[in-house]
């Protein structure tokens, strides 16, 4: 029974996307805010209820001049629940 309670709590944990700052590596982690913007402020991060929703955003691709690629900030990012 106790294990089931922990599993239920895990399922409800919020997820977010983070990566290392490319512009200024001394900053450390930056967090995805949505609308193609990032913030070094943890409280500004976009929160996803489901890991699959965050994974879908992380898998974003762009097609430009017939070439499809994953933007570097998403390629190097991770979906986490902290």
C-alpha atoms as a PDB file:
ATOM      1  CA  UNK A   1       0.000   0.000   0.000  1.00  0.00           C
ATOM      2  CA  UNK A   2       2.790   2.425   0.879  1.00  0.00           C
ATOM      3  CA  UNK A   3       4.459   1.864  -2.503  1.00  0.00           C
ATOM      4  CA  UNK A   4       1.218   2.738  -4.280  1.00  0.00           C
ATOM      5  CA  UNK A   5       1.091   6.052  -2.433  1.00  0.00           C
ATOM      6  CA  UNK A   6       4.619   6.898  -3.619  1.00  0.00           C
ATOM      7  CA  UNK A   7       3.765   5.957  -7.201  1.00  0.00           C
ATOM      8  CA  UNK A   8       0.710   8.215  -7.119  1.00  0.00           C
ATOM      9  CA  UNK A   9       2.785  11.110  -5.817  1.00  0.00           C
ATOM     10  CA  UNK A  10       5.375  10.568  -8.567  1.00  0.00           C
ATOM     11  CA  UNK A  11       2.690  10.619 -11.243  1.00  0.00           C
ATOM     12  CA  UNK A  12       1.541  14.046 -10.087  1.00  0.00           C
ATOM     13  CA  UNK A  13       4.975  15.666  -9.935  1.00  0.00           C
ATOM     14  CA  UNK A  14       5.454  18.590 -12.296  1.00  0.00           C
ATOM     15  CA  UNK A  15       8.080  18.410 -15.017  1.00  0.00           C
ATOM     16  CA  UNK A  16      10.096  21.131 -16.702  1.00  0.00           C
ATOM     17  CA  UNK A  17      12.833  21.520 -19.310  1.00  0.00           C
ATOM     18  CA  UNK A  18      16.290  22.781 -18.460  1.00  0.00           C
ATOM     19  CA  UNK A  19      19.665  23.103 -20.148  1.00  0.00           C
ATOM     20  CA  UNK A  20      23.028  24.722 -19.552  1.00  0.00           C
ATOM     21  CA  UNK A  21      23.278  28.354 -20.572  1.00  0.00           C
ATOM     22  CA  UNK A  22      24.888  28.664 -24.000  1.00  0.00           C
ATOM     23  CA  UNK A  23      25.238  32.442 -23.815  1.00  0.00           C
ATOM     24  CA  UNK A  24      26.981  32.474 -20.435  1.00  0.00           C
ATOM     25  CA  UNK A  25      28.159  29.094 -19.100  1.00  0.00           C
ATOM     26  CA  UNK A  26      28.897  30.630 -15.692  1.00  0.00           C
ATOM     27  CA  UNK A  27      25.126  31.026 -15.156  1.00  0.00           C
ATOM     28  CA  UNK A  28      24.591  27.286 -15.070  1.00  0.00           C
ATOM     29  CA  UNK A  29      21.086  25.995 -15.773  1.00  0.00           C
ATOM     30  CA  UNK A  30      18.409  27.902 -17.640  1.00  0.00           C
ATOM     31  CA  UNK A  31      14.747  26.897 -17.732  1.00  0.00           C
ATOM     32  CA  UNK A  32      12.290  26.861 -20.609  1.00  0.00           C
ATOM     33  CA  UNK A  33       9.557  29.487 -20.134  1.00  0.00           C
ATOM     34  CA  UNK A  34       7.549  28.746 -23.272  1.00  0.00           C
ATOM     35  CA  UNK A  35       7.245  30.747 -26.505  1.00  0.00           C
ATOM     36  CA  UNK A  36      10.870  29.935 -27.382  1.00  0.00           C
ATOM     37  CA  UNK A  37      12.223  31.796 -24.334  1.00  0.00           C
ATOM     38  CA  UNK A  38      14.511  30.690 -21.507  1.00  0.00           C
ATOM     39  CA  UNK A  39      15.164  32.094 -18.044  1.00  0.00           C
ATOM     40  CA  UNK A  40      17.828  31.602 -15.415  1.00  0.00           C
ATOM     41  CA  UNK A  41      15.094  32.037 -12.785  1.00  0.00           C
ATOM     42  CA  UNK A  42      13.725  28.675 -11.636  1.00  0.00           C
ATOM     43  CA  UNK A  43      10.333  30.176 -10.708  1.00  0.00           C
ATOM     44  CA  UNK A  44       9.826  31.375 -14.308  1.00  0.00           C
ATOM     45  CA  UNK A  45       9.969  27.864 -15.789  1.00  0.00           C
ATOM     46  CA  UNK A  46       7.012  26.388 -17.656  1.00  0.00           C
ATOM     47  CA  UNK A  47       5.636  23.440 -15.694  1.00  0.00           C
ATOM     48  CA  UNK A  48       4.144  20.374 -17.365  1.00  0.00           C
ATOM     49  CA  UNK A  49       1.849  17.969 -15.550  1.00  0.00           C
ATOM     50  CA  UNK A  50       2.875  15.050 -17.770  1.00  0.00           C
ATOM     51  CA  UNK A  51       6.399  14.056 -18.731  1.00  0.00           C
ATOM     52  CA  UNK A  52       5.153  13.209 -22.221  1.00  0.00           C
ATOM     53  CA  UNK A  53       4.059  16.835 -22.748  1.00  0.00           C
ATOM     54  CA  UNK A  54       7.502  18.124 -21.774  1.00  0.00           C
ATOM     55  CA  UNK A  55       9.167  15.466 -23.956  1.00  0.00           C
ATOM     56  CA  UNK A  56       7.057  16.620 -26.927  1.00  0.00           C
ATOM     57  CA  UNK A  57       8.240  20.217 -26.485  1.00  0.00           C
ATOM     58  CA  UNK A  58      11.850  19.056 -26.081  1.00  0.00           C
ATOM     59  CA  UNK A  59      11.502  17.171 -29.389  1.00  0.00           C
ATOM     60  CA  UNK A  60      10.682  20.417 -31.237  1.00  0.00           C
ATOM     61  CA  UNK A  61      12.177  20.667 -34.701  1.00  0.00           C
ATOM     62  CA  UNK A  62      12.513  23.582 -37.102  1.00  0.00           C
ATOM     63  CA  UNK A  63      12.474  23.421 -40.887  1.00  0.00           C
ATOM     64  CA  UNK A  64      14.352  26.171 -42.669  1.00  0.00           C
ATOM     65  CA  UNK A  65      15.237  26.198 -46.372  1.00  0.00           C
ATOM     66  CA  UNK A  66      14.166  22.565 -46.634  1.00  0.00           C
ATOM     67  CA  UNK A  67      16.406  21.445 -43.771  1.00  0.00           C
ATOM     68  CA  UNK A  68      14.829  20.097 -40.573  1.00  0.00           C
ATOM     69  CA  UNK A  69      16.831  20.274 -37.367  1.00  0.00           C
ATOM     70  CA  UNK A  70      16.434  20.366 -33.588  1.00  0.00           C
ATOM     71  CA  UNK A  71      17.468  23.730 -32.123  1.00  0.00           C
ATOM     72  CA  UNK A  72      20.635  23.367 -30.031  1.00  0.00           C
ATOM     73  CA  UNK A  73      18.942  24.513 -26.821  1.00  0.00           C
ATOM     74  CA  UNK A  74      16.418  21.668 -27.079  1.00  0.00           C
ATOM     75  CA  UNK A  75      18.978  19.116 -28.249  1.00  0.00           C
ATOM     76  CA  UNK A  76      21.072  19.667 -25.126  1.00  0.00           C
ATOM     77  CA  UNK A  77      18.120  19.995 -22.743  1.00  0.00           C
ATOM     78  CA  UNK A  78      16.663  17.498 -20.315  1.00  0.00           C
ATOM     79  CA  UNK A  79      13.172  16.955 -18.942  1.00  0.00           C
ATOM     80  CA  UNK A  80      13.313  16.805 -15.166  1.00  0.00           C
ATOM     81  CA  UNK A  81      11.104  16.678 -12.132  1.00  0.00           C
ATOM     82  CA  UNK A  82      12.704  18.438  -9.192  1.00  0.00           C
END
